[in-house]
PDB file of N, CA and C in Angstrom:
ATOM      1  N   MET A   1     -48.382 -52.418 -76.328  1.00  0.00           N
ATOM      2  CA  MET A   1     -48.555 -51.139 -75.661  1.00  0.00           C
ATOM      3  C   MET A   1     -49.968 -51.049 -75.094  1.00  0.00           C
ATOM      4  N   ASN A   2     -50.114 -50.399 -73.964  1.00  0.00           N
ATOM      5  CA  ASN A   2     -51.388 -50.285 -73.286  1.00  0.00           C
ATOM      6  C   ASN A   2     -52.162 -49.090 -73.842  1.00  0.00           C
ATOM      7  N   GLU A   3     -53.206 -49.350 -74.610  1.00  0.00           N
ATOM      8  CA  GLU A   3     -54.001 -48.272 -75.197  1.00  0.00           C
ATOM      9  C   GLU A   3     -55.044 -47.773 -74.209  1.00  0.00           C
ATOM     10  N   LEU A   4     -55.341 -46.477 -74.320  1.00  0.00           N
ATOM     11  CA  LEU A   4     -56.391 -45.924 -73.482  1.00  0.00           C
ATOM     12  C   LEU A   4     -57.747 -46.444 -73.933  1.00  0.00           C
ATOM     13  N   LYS A   5     -58.618 -46.670 -72.956  1.00  0.00           N
ATOM     14  CA  LYS A   5     -59.962 -47.136 -73.275  1.00  0.00           C
ATOM     15  C   LYS A   5     -60.822 -45.966 -73.710  1.00  0.00           C
ATOM     16  N   LYS A   6     -61.760 -46.250 -74.556  1.00  0.00           N
ATOM     17  CA  LYS A   6     -62.733 -45.238 -74.960  1.00  0.00           C
ATOM     18  C   LYS A   6     -63.733 -45.061 -73.816  1.00  0.00           C
ATOM     19  N   TRP A   7     -64.411 -43.927 -73.754  1.00  0.00           N
ATOM     20  CA  TRP A   7     -65.297 -43.612 -72.632  1.00  0.00           C
ATOM     21  C   TRP A   7     -66.360 -44.685 -72.414  1.00  0.00           C
ATOM     22  N   PHE A   8     -66.863 -45.273 -73.489  1.00  0.00           N
ATOM     23  CA  PHE A   8     -67.921 -46.271 -73.352  1.00  0.00           C
ATOM     24  C   PHE A   8     -67.390 -47.639 -72.940  1.00  0.00           C
ATOM     25  N   GLU A   9     -66.083 -47.795 -72.875  1.00  0.00           N
ATOM     26  CA  GLU A   9     -65.476 -49.043 -72.425  1.00  0.00           C
ATOM     27  C   GLU A   9     -65.131 -49.010 -70.927  1.00  0.00           C
ATOM     28  N   LEU A  10     -65.227 -47.818 -70.336  1.00  0.00           N
ATOM     29  CA  LEU A  10     -64.917 -47.673 -68.918  1.00  0.00           C
ATOM     30  C   LEU A  10     -66.050 -48.240 -68.062  1.00  0.00           C
ATOM     31  N   PRO A  11     -65.731 -48.781 -66.889  1.00  0.00           N
ATOM     32  CA  PRO A  11     -66.792 -49.279 -66.008  1.00  0.00           C
ATOM     33  C   PRO A  11     -67.619 -48.114 -65.466  1.00  0.00           C
ATOM     34  N   VAL A  12     -68.874 -48.377 -65.177  1.00  0.00           N
ATOM     35  CA  VAL A  12     -69.751 -47.368 -64.615  1.00  0.00           C
ATOM     36  C   VAL A  12     -69.261 -47.022 -63.215  1.00  0.00           C
ATOM     37  N   GLY A  13     -69.215 -45.729 -62.883  1.00  0.00           N
ATOM     38  CA  GLY A  13     -68.749 -45.289 -61.572  1.00  0.00           C
ATOM     39  C   GLY A  13     -69.760 -45.561 -60.475  1.00  0.00           C
ATOM     40  N   ALA A  14     -69.298 -45.533 -59.233  1.00  0.00           N
ATOM     41  CA  ALA A  14     -70.138 -45.719 -58.046  1.00  0.00           C
ATOM     42  C   ALA A  14     -70.871 -47.057 -58.042  1.00  0.00           C
ATOM     43  N   VAL A  15     -70.239 -48.066 -58.588  1.00  0.00           N
ATOM     44  CA  VAL A  15     -70.818 -49.401 -58.630  1.00  0.00           C
ATOM     45  C   VAL A  15     -69.884 -50.353 -57.888  1.00  0.00           C
ATOM     46  N   ILE A  16     -70.437 -51.144 -57.026  1.00  0.00           N
ATOM     47  CA  ILE A  16     -69.638 -52.156 -56.334  1.00  0.00           C
ATOM     48  C   ILE A  16     -69.588 -53.385 -57.238  1.00  0.00           C
ATOM     49  N   ASP A  17     -68.439 -53.575 -57.865  1.00  0.00           N
ATOM     50  CA  ASP A  17     -68.330 -54.707 -58.785  1.00  0.00           C
ATOM     51  C   ASP A  17     -67.733 -55.948 -58.135  1.00  0.00           C
ATOM     52  N   GLU A  18     -67.350 -55.818 -56.868  1.00  0.00           N
ATOM     53  CA  GLU A  18     -66.830 -56.955 -56.105  1.00  0.00           C
ATOM     54  C   GLU A  18     -67.511 -56.950 -54.737  1.00  0.00           C
ATOM     55  N   PRO A  19     -68.549 -57.753 -54.551  1.00  0.00           N
ATOM     56  CA  PRO A  19     -69.269 -57.763 -53.278  1.00  0.00           C
ATOM     57  C   PRO A  19     -68.354 -58.090 -52.097  1.00  0.00           C
ATOM     58  N   GLY A  20     -68.613 -57.426 -50.983  1.00  0.00           N
ATOM     59  CA  GLY A  20     -67.877 -57.716 -49.764  1.00  0.00           C
ATOM     60  C   GLY A  20     -66.485 -57.124 -49.700  1.00  0.00           C
ATOM     61  N   ASN A  21     -66.196 -56.110 -50.497  1.00  0.00           N
ATOM     62  CA  ASN A  21     -64.838 -55.584 -50.514  1.00  0.00           C
ATOM     63  C   ASN A  21     -64.616 -54.402 -49.569  1.00  0.00           C
ATOM     64  N   ALA A  22     -65.642 -53.931 -48.878  1.00  0.00           N
ATOM     65  CA  ALA A  22     -65.516 -52.760 -48.015  1.00  0.00           C
ATOM     66  C   ALA A  22     -64.500 -52.978 -46.892  1.00  0.00           C
ATOM     67  N   ILE A  23     -64.325 -54.190 -46.448  1.00  0.00           N
ATOM     68  CA  ILE A  23     -63.390 -54.478 -45.360  1.00  0.00           C
ATOM     69  C   ILE A  23     -61.959 -54.099 -45.748  1.00  0.00           C
ATOM     70  N   LYS A  24     -61.678 -54.073 -47.043  1.00  0.00           N
ATOM     71  CA  LYS A  24     -60.336 -53.744 -47.529  1.00  0.00           C
ATOM     72  C   LYS A  24     -60.015 -52.256 -47.389  1.00  0.00           C
ATOM     73  N   TYR A  25     -61.038 -51.425 -47.300  1.00  0.00           N
ATOM     74  CA  TYR A  25     -60.836 -49.987 -47.319  1.00  0.00           C
ATOM     75  C   TYR A  25     -61.002 -49.400 -45.929  1.00  0.00           C
ATOM     76  N   LYS A  26     -59.888 -49.129 -45.291  1.00  0.00           N
ATOM     77  CA  LYS A  26     -59.905 -48.575 -43.940  1.00  0.00           C
ATOM     78  C   LYS A  26     -60.109 -47.065 -44.055  1.00  0.00           C
ATOM     79  N   THR A  27     -61.263 -46.607 -43.602  1.00  0.00           N
ATOM     80  CA  THR A  27     -61.660 -45.210 -43.780  1.00  0.00           C
ATOM     81  C   THR A  27     -61.679 -44.428 -42.473  1.00  0.00           C
ATOM     82  N   GLY A  28     -61.227 -45.018 -41.401  1.00  0.00           N
ATOM     83  CA  GLY A  28     -61.271 -44.371 -40.100  1.00  0.00           C
ATOM     84  C   GLY A  28     -60.447 -43.097 -40.010  1.00  0.00           C
ATOM     85  N   SER A  29     -59.435 -42.972 -40.848  1.00  0.00           N
ATOM     86  CA  SER A  29     -58.586 -41.778 -40.788  1.00  0.00           C
ATOM     87  C   SER A  29     -59.286 -40.537 -41.332  1.00  0.00           C
ATOM     88  N   TRP A  30     -60.463 -40.692 -41.898  1.00  0.00           N
ATOM     89  CA  TRP A  30     -61.223 -39.558 -42.444  1.00  0.00           C
ATOM     90  C   TRP A  30     -61.857 -38.714 -41.353  1.00  0.00           C
ATOM     91  N   ARG A  31     -62.094 -39.286 -40.210  1.00  0.00           N
ATOM     92  CA  ARG A  31     -62.948 -38.619 -39.228  1.00  0.00           C
ATOM     93  C   ARG A  31     -62.226 -37.513 -38.458  1.00  0.00           C
ATOM     94  N   THR A  32     -63.037 -36.580 -37.972  1.00  0.00           N
ATOM     95  CA  THR A  32     -62.581 -35.510 -37.093  1.00  0.00           C
ATOM     96  C   THR A  32     -62.989 -35.834 -35.658  1.00  0.00           C
ATOM     97  N   PHE A  33     -64.181 -36.420 -35.519  1.00  0.00           N
ATOM     98  CA  PHE A  33     -64.690 -36.826 -34.209  1.00  0.00           C
ATOM     99  C   PHE A  33     -64.813 -38.342 -34.168  1.00  0.00           C
ATOM    100  N   LYS A  34     -64.678 -38.907 -32.980  1.00  0.00           N
ATOM    101  CA  LYS A  34     -64.863 -40.354 -32.827  1.00  0.00           C
ATOM    102  C   LYS A  34     -65.818 -40.623 -31.676  1.00  0.00           C
ATOM    103  N   PRO A  35     -66.573 -41.721 -31.779  1.00  0.00           N
ATOM    104  CA  PRO A  35     -67.478 -42.071 -30.690  1.00  0.00           C
ATOM    105  C   PRO A  35     -66.715 -42.716 -29.528  1.00  0.00           C
ATOM    106  N   VAL A  36     -67.138 -42.373 -28.333  1.00  0.00           N
ATOM    107  CA  VAL A  36     -66.557 -42.970 -27.126  1.00  0.00           C
ATOM    108  C   VAL A  36     -67.713 -43.494 -26.288  1.00  0.00           C
ATOM    109  N   LEU A  37     -67.574 -44.712 -25.824  1.00  0.00           N
ATOM    110  CA  LEU A  37     -68.625 -45.382 -25.067  1.00  0.00           C
ATOM    111  C   LEU A  37     -68.373 -45.288 -23.567  1.00  0.00           C
ATOM    112  N   ASP A  38     -69.403 -44.880 -22.837  1.00  0.00           N
ATOM    113  CA  ASP A  38     -69.378 -44.956 -21.379  1.00  0.00           C
ATOM    114  C   ASP A  38     -70.218 -46.187 -21.028  1.00  0.00           C
ATOM    115  N   LYS A  39     -69.556 -47.297 -20.838  1.00  0.00           N
ATOM    116  CA  LYS A  39     -70.235 -48.578 -20.644  1.00  0.00           C
ATOM    117  C   LYS A  39     -71.157 -48.562 -19.427  1.00  0.00           C
ATOM    118  N   SER A  40     -70.847 -47.727 -18.434  1.00  0.00           N
ATOM    119  CA  SER A  40     -71.693 -47.677 -17.236  1.00  0.00           C
ATOM    120  C   SER A  40     -73.072 -47.086 -17.540  1.00  0.00           C
ATOM    121  N   LYS A  41     -73.199 -46.348 -18.632  1.00  0.00           N
ATOM    122  CA  LYS A  41     -74.482 -45.762 -19.023  1.00  0.00           C
ATOM    123  C   LYS A  41     -75.207 -46.581 -20.091  1.00  0.00           C
ATOM    124  N   CYS A  42     -74.513 -47.503 -20.723  1.00  0.00           N
ATOM    125  CA  CYS A  42     -75.072 -48.257 -21.852  1.00  0.00           C
ATOM    126  C   CYS A  42     -76.025 -49.360 -21.367  1.00  0.00           C
ATOM    127  N   ASN A  43     -77.214 -49.406 -21.982  1.00  0.00           N
ATOM    128  CA  ASN A  43     -78.163 -50.466 -21.624  1.00  0.00           C
ATOM    129  C   ASN A  43     -78.226 -51.559 -22.694  1.00  0.00           C
ATOM    130  N   ASP A  44     -77.286 -51.528 -23.631  1.00  0.00           N
ATOM    131  CA  ASP A  44     -77.180 -52.533 -24.695  1.00  0.00           C
ATOM    132  C   ASP A  44     -78.462 -52.662 -25.521  1.00  0.00           C
ATOM    133  N   CYS A  45     -79.104 -51.538 -25.794  1.00  0.00           N
ATOM    134  CA  CYS A  45     -80.313 -51.561 -26.636  1.00  0.00           C
ATOM    135  C   CYS A  45     -79.945 -51.810 -28.105  1.00  0.00           C
ATOM    136  N   LEU A  46     -78.708 -51.511 -28.470  1.00  0.00           N
ATOM    137  CA  LEU A  46     -78.146 -51.732 -29.813  1.00  0.00           C
ATOM    138  C   LEU A  46     -78.808 -50.904 -30.915  1.00  0.00           C
ATOM    139  N   ILE A  47     -79.466 -49.820 -30.536  1.00  0.00           N
ATOM    140  CA  ILE A  47     -80.018 -48.925 -31.555  1.00  0.00           C
ATOM    141  C   ILE A  47     -78.873 -48.354 -32.386  1.00  0.00           C
ATOM    142  N   CYS A  48     -77.741 -48.074 -31.761  1.00  0.00           N
ATOM    143  CA  CYS A  48     -76.576 -47.562 -32.481  1.00  0.00           C
ATOM    144  C   CYS A  48     -76.129 -48.561 -33.547  1.00  0.00           C
ATOM    145  N   TRP A  49     -76.141 -49.827 -33.214  1.00  0.00           N
ATOM    146  CA  TRP A  49     -75.735 -50.884 -34.151  1.00  0.00           C
ATOM    147  C   TRP A  49     -76.665 -50.935 -35.354  1.00  0.00           C
ATOM    148  N   ILE A  50     -77.955 -50.740 -35.113  1.00  0.00           N
ATOM    149  CA  ILE A  50     -78.936 -50.758 -36.198  1.00  0.00           C
ATOM    150  C   ILE A  50     -78.684 -49.617 -37.169  1.00  0.00           C
ATOM    151  N   TYR A  51     -78.393 -48.429 -36.649  1.00  0.00           N
ATOM    152  CA  TYR A  51     -78.269 -47.236 -37.486  1.00  0.00           C
ATOM    153  C   TYR A  51     -76.886 -46.987 -38.070  1.00  0.00           C
ATOM    154  N   CYS A  52     -75.847 -47.599 -37.553  1.00  0.00           N
ATOM    155  CA  CYS A  52     -74.484 -47.326 -38.023  1.00  0.00           C
ATOM    156  C   CYS A  52     -74.337 -47.676 -39.502  1.00  0.00           C
ATOM    157  N   PRO A  53     -74.043 -46.671 -40.357  1.00  0.00           N
ATOM    158  CA  PRO A  53     -73.930 -46.938 -41.789  1.00  0.00           C
ATOM    159  C   PRO A  53     -72.642 -47.658 -42.182  1.00  0.00           C
ATOM    160  N   ASP A  54     -71.679 -47.726 -41.269  1.00  0.00           N
ATOM    161  CA  ASP A  54     -70.390 -48.336 -41.591  1.00  0.00           C
ATOM    162  C   ASP A  54     -70.159 -49.677 -40.906  1.00  0.00           C
ATOM    163  N   ASN A  55     -71.175 -50.183 -40.220  1.00  0.00           N
ATOM    164  CA  ASN A  55     -71.050 -51.456 -39.505  1.00  0.00           C
ATOM    165  C   ASN A  55     -69.851 -51.424 -38.547  1.00  0.00           C
ATOM    166  N   SER A  56     -69.704 -50.293 -37.864  1.00  0.00           N
ATOM    167  CA  SER A  56     -68.548 -50.083 -36.994  1.00  0.00           C
ATOM    168  C   SER A  56     -68.837 -50.298 -35.514  1.00  0.00           C
ATOM    169  N   ILE A  57     -70.041 -50.738 -35.188  1.00  0.00           N
ATOM    170  CA  ILE A  57     -70.387 -51.036 -33.799  1.00  0.00           C
ATOM    171  C   ILE A  57     -70.069 -52.507 -33.553  1.00  0.00           C
ATOM    172  N   ILE A  58     -69.224 -52.755 -32.581  1.00  0.00           N
ATOM    173  CA  ILE A  58     -68.827 -54.139 -32.286  1.00  0.00           C
ATOM    174  C   ILE A  58     -69.733 -54.685 -31.191  1.00  0.00           C
ATOM    175  N   VAL A  59     -70.431 -55.771 -31.524  1.00  0.00           N
ATOM    176  CA  VAL A  59     -71.367 -56.408 -30.591  1.00  0.00           C
ATOM    177  C   VAL A  59     -70.920 -57.855 -30.365  1.00  0.00           C
ATOM    178  N   GLN A  60     -70.938 -58.254 -29.123  1.00  0.00           N
ATOM    179  CA  GLN A  60     -70.587 -59.634 -28.790  1.00  0.00           C
ATOM    180  C   GLN A  60     -71.571 -60.122 -27.739  1.00  0.00           C
ATOM    181  N   ASP A  61     -72.183 -61.254 -27.989  1.00  0.00           N
ATOM    182  CA  ASP A  61     -73.162 -61.841 -27.066  1.00  0.00           C
ATOM    183  C   ASP A  61     -74.281 -60.856 -26.731  1.00  0.00           C
ATOM    184  N   GLY A  62     -74.737 -60.103 -27.737  1.00  0.00           N
ATOM    185  CA  GLY A  62     -75.843 -59.174 -27.547  1.00  0.00           C
ATOM    186  C   GLY A  62     -75.502 -57.907 -26.788  1.00  0.00           C
ATOM    187  N   LYS A  63     -74.211 -57.628 -26.640  1.00  0.00           N
ATOM    188  CA  LYS A  63     -73.784 -56.438 -25.900  1.00  0.00           C
ATOM    189  C   LYS A  63     -72.806 -55.617 -26.738  1.00  0.00           C
ATOM    190  N   LEU A  64     -72.955 -54.292 -26.640  1.00  0.00           N
ATOM    191  CA  LEU A  64     -72.031 -53.379 -27.303  1.00  0.00           C
ATOM    192  C   LEU A  64     -70.705 -53.412 -26.560  1.00  0.00           C
ATOM    193  N   ILE A  65     -69.627 -53.759 -27.269  1.00  0.00           N
ATOM    194  CA  ILE A  65     -68.322 -53.823 -26.599  1.00  0.00           C
ATOM    195  C   ILE A  65     -67.344 -52.765 -27.111  1.00  0.00           C
ATOM    196  N   GLY A  66     -67.693 -52.073 -28.189  1.00  0.00           N
ATOM    197  CA  GLY A  66     -66.783 -51.037 -28.677  1.00  0.00           C
ATOM    198  C   GLY A  66     -67.063 -50.663 -30.119  1.00  0.00           C
ATOM    199  N   PHE A  67     -66.059 -50.020 -30.719  1.00  0.00           N
ATOM    200  CA  PHE A  67     -66.191 -49.514 -32.080  1.00  0.00           C
ATOM    201  C   PHE A  67     -65.035 -49.991 -32.946  1.00  0.00           C
ATOM    202  N   ASP A  68     -65.318 -50.216 -34.201  1.00  0.00           N
ATOM    203  CA  ASP A  68     -64.282 -50.533 -35.187  1.00  0.00           C
ATOM    204  C   ASP A  68     -63.771 -49.202 -35.724  1.00  0.00           C
ATOM    205  N   TYR A  69     -62.747 -48.665 -35.089  1.00  0.00           N
ATOM    206  CA  TYR A  69     -62.231 -47.354 -35.455  1.00  0.00           C
ATOM    207  C   TYR A  69     -61.528 -47.347 -36.812  1.00  0.00           C
ATOM    208  N   GLU A  70     -61.178 -48.502 -37.341  1.00  0.00           N
ATOM    209  CA  GLU A  70     -60.563 -48.542 -38.673  1.00  0.00           C
ATOM    210  C   GLU A  70     -61.566 -48.205 -39.770  1.00  0.00           C
ATOM    211  N   HIS A  71     -62.859 -48.402 -39.493  1.00  0.00           N
ATOM    212  CA  HIS A  71     -63.888 -48.155 -40.506  1.00  0.00           C
ATOM    213  C   HIS A  71     -64.874 -47.052 -40.123  1.00  0.00           C
ATOM    214  N   CYS A  72     -64.924 -46.673 -38.855  1.00  0.00           N
ATOM    215  CA  CYS A  72     -65.819 -45.613 -38.395  1.00  0.00           C
ATOM    216  C   CYS A  72     -65.374 -44.274 -38.988  1.00  0.00           C
ATOM    217  N   LYS A  73     -66.310 -43.572 -39.616  1.00  0.00           N
ATOM    218  CA  LYS A  73     -65.999 -42.278 -40.222  1.00  0.00           C
ATOM    219  C   LYS A  73     -66.357 -41.112 -39.306  1.00  0.00           C
ATOM    220  N   GLY A  74     -66.887 -41.394 -38.127  1.00  0.00           N
ATOM    221  CA  GLY A  74     -67.179 -40.343 -37.163  1.00  0.00           C
ATOM    222  C   GLY A  74     -68.407 -39.521 -37.489  1.00  0.00           C
ATOM    223  N   CYS A  75     -69.386 -40.133 -38.115  1.00  0.00           N
ATOM    224  CA  CYS A  75     -70.588 -39.394 -38.534  1.00  0.00           C
ATOM    225  C   CYS A  75     -71.442 -38.954 -37.340  1.00  0.00           C
ATOM    226  N   GLY A  76     -71.364 -39.676 -36.212  1.00  0.00           N
ATOM    227  CA  GLY A  76     -72.097 -39.303 -35.017  1.00  0.00           C
ATOM    228  C   GLY A  76     -73.519 -39.824 -34.942  1.00  0.00           C
ATOM    229  N   ILE A  77     -73.929 -40.626 -35.902  1.00  0.00           N
ATOM    230  CA  ILE A  77     -75.287 -41.183 -35.868  1.00  0.00           C
ATOM    231  C   ILE A  77     -75.486 -42.016 -34.609  1.00  0.00           C
ATOM    232  N   CYS A  78     -74.489 -42.790 -34.236  1.00  0.00           N
ATOM    233  CA  CYS A  78     -74.611 -43.639 -33.047  1.00  0.00           C
ATOM    234  C   CYS A  78     -74.890 -42.811 -31.804  1.00  0.00           C
ATOM    235  N   ALA A  79     -74.193 -41.702 -31.648  1.00  0.00           N
ATOM    236  CA  ALA A  79     -74.404 -40.839 -30.485  1.00  0.00           C
ATOM    237  C   ALA A  79     -75.768 -40.160 -30.543  1.00  0.00           C
ATOM    238  N   GLU A  80     -76.192 -39.805 -31.749  1.00  0.00           N
ATOM    239  CA  GLU A  80     -77.476 -39.126 -31.917  1.00  0.00           C
ATOM    240  C   GLU A  80     -78.652 -40.036 -31.582  1.00  0.00           C
ATOM    241  N   VAL A  81     -78.566 -41.312 -31.950  1.00  0.00           N
ATOM    242  CA  VAL A  81     -79.692 -42.232 -31.720  1.00  0.00           C
ATOM    243  C   VAL A  81     -79.642 -42.905 -30.350  1.00  0.00           C
ATOM    244  N   CYS A  82     -78.554 -42.732 -29.629  1.00  0.00           N
ATOM    245  CA  CYS A  82     -78.463 -43.303 -28.286  1.00  0.00           C
ATOM    246  C   CYS A  82     -79.575 -42.697 -27.434  1.00  0.00           C
ATOM    247  N   PRO A  83     -80.364 -43.524 -26.750  1.00  0.00           N
ATOM    248  CA  PRO A  83     -81.512 -43.015 -25.993  1.00  0.00           C
ATOM    249  C   PRO A  83     -81.154 -41.895 -25.023  1.00  0.00           C
ATOM    250  N   ASP A  84     -82.080 -40.927 -24.905  1.00  0.00           N
ATOM    251  CA  ASP A  84     -81.865 -39.754 -24.046  1.00  0.00           C
ATOM    252  C   ASP A  84     -81.541 -40.126 -22.602  1.00  0.00           C
ATOM    253  N   LYS A  85     -82.118 -41.214 -22.135  1.00  0.00           N
ATOM    254  CA  LYS A  85     -81.900 -41.599 -20.737  1.00  0.00           C
ATOM    255  C   LYS A  85     -80.451 -42.006 -20.477  1.00  0.00           C
ATOM    256  N   SER A  86     -79.818 -42.634 -21.471  1.00  0.00           N
ATOM    257  CA  SER A  86     -78.470 -43.126 -21.218  1.00  0.00           C
ATOM    258  C   SER A  86     -77.387 -42.229 -21.807  1.00  0.00           C
ATOM    259  N   LYS A  87     -77.538 -41.819 -23.050  1.00  0.00           N
ATOM    260  CA  LYS A  87     -76.501 -41.046 -23.746  1.00  0.00           C
ATOM    261  C   LYS A  87     -75.120 -41.621 -23.441  1.00  0.00           C
ATOM    262  N   ALA A  88     -74.990 -42.911 -23.686  1.00  0.00           N
ATOM    263  CA  ALA A  88     -73.752 -43.625 -23.389  1.00  0.00           C
ATOM    264  C   ALA A  88     -72.645 -43.356 -24.399  1.00  0.00           C
ATOM    265  N   ILE A  89     -73.011 -42.822 -25.571  1.00  0.00           N
ATOM    266  CA  ILE A  89     -72.026 -42.549 -26.614  1.00  0.00           C
ATOM    267  C   ILE A  89     -71.886 -41.047 -26.785  1.00  0.00           C
ATOM    268  N   THR A  90     -70.663 -40.578 -26.694  1.00  0.00           N
ATOM    269  CA  THR A  90     -70.386 -39.167 -26.948  1.00  0.00           C
ATOM    270  C   THR A  90     -69.343 -39.070 -28.057  1.00  0.00           C
ATOM    271  N   MET A  91     -69.389 -37.972 -28.783  1.00  0.00           N
ATOM    272  CA  MET A  91     -68.418 -37.734 -29.850  1.00  0.00           C
ATOM    273  C   MET A  91     -67.353 -36.797 -29.311  1.00  0.00           C
ATOM    274  N   VAL A  92     -66.091 -37.206 -29.464  1.00  0.00           N
ATOM    275  CA  VAL A  92     -64.975 -36.386 -29.009  1.00  0.00           C
ATOM    276  C   VAL A  92     -64.018 -36.160 -30.175  1.00  0.00           C
ATOM    277  N   LEU A  93     -63.259 -35.060 -30.099  1.00  0.00           N
ATOM    278  CA  LEU A  93     -62.277 -34.795 -31.139  1.00  0.00           C
ATOM    279  C   LEU A  93     -61.299 -35.956 -31.248  1.00  0.00           C
ATOM    280  N   GLU A  94     -60.974 -36.328 -32.454  1.00  0.00           N
ATOM    281  CA  GLU A  94     -60.072 -37.454 -32.701  1.00  0.00           C
ATOM    282  C   GLU A  94     -58.684 -37.179 -32.099  1.00  0.00           C
ATOM    283  N   HIS A  95     -58.132 -36.019 -32.361  1.00  0.00           N
ATOM    284  CA  HIS A  95     -56.787 -35.691 -31.875  1.00  0.00           C
ATOM    285  C   HIS A  95     -56.874 -34.476 -30.962  1.00  0.00           C
ATOM    286  N   GLN A  96     -56.621 -34.692 -29.695  1.00  0.00           N
ATOM    287  CA  GLN A  96     -56.686 -33.581 -28.744  1.00  0.00           C
ATOM    288  C   GLN A  96     -55.315 -33.290 -28.196  1.00  0.00           C
TER     289      GLN A  96
END
């Protein structure tokens, strides 16, 4: 029979006990807003890529090509840090 563990036998919470497992957890459905790229305004400075906490900015050959919407939570940091001159990233409602 499966006995319940005592409190001190439980693993500590908020600890990543398996490195590299974030890819398994698709969190994109959490968001209300999503980033949209206007490529004609983007200068590929990649500041958005540096600041994205979810590693959801897709870069290929040094250029921003899109977003990983399966993992993007819609925090809007990418749009906020996009340089004032370009403002290539805007946040739009997920379901309109």
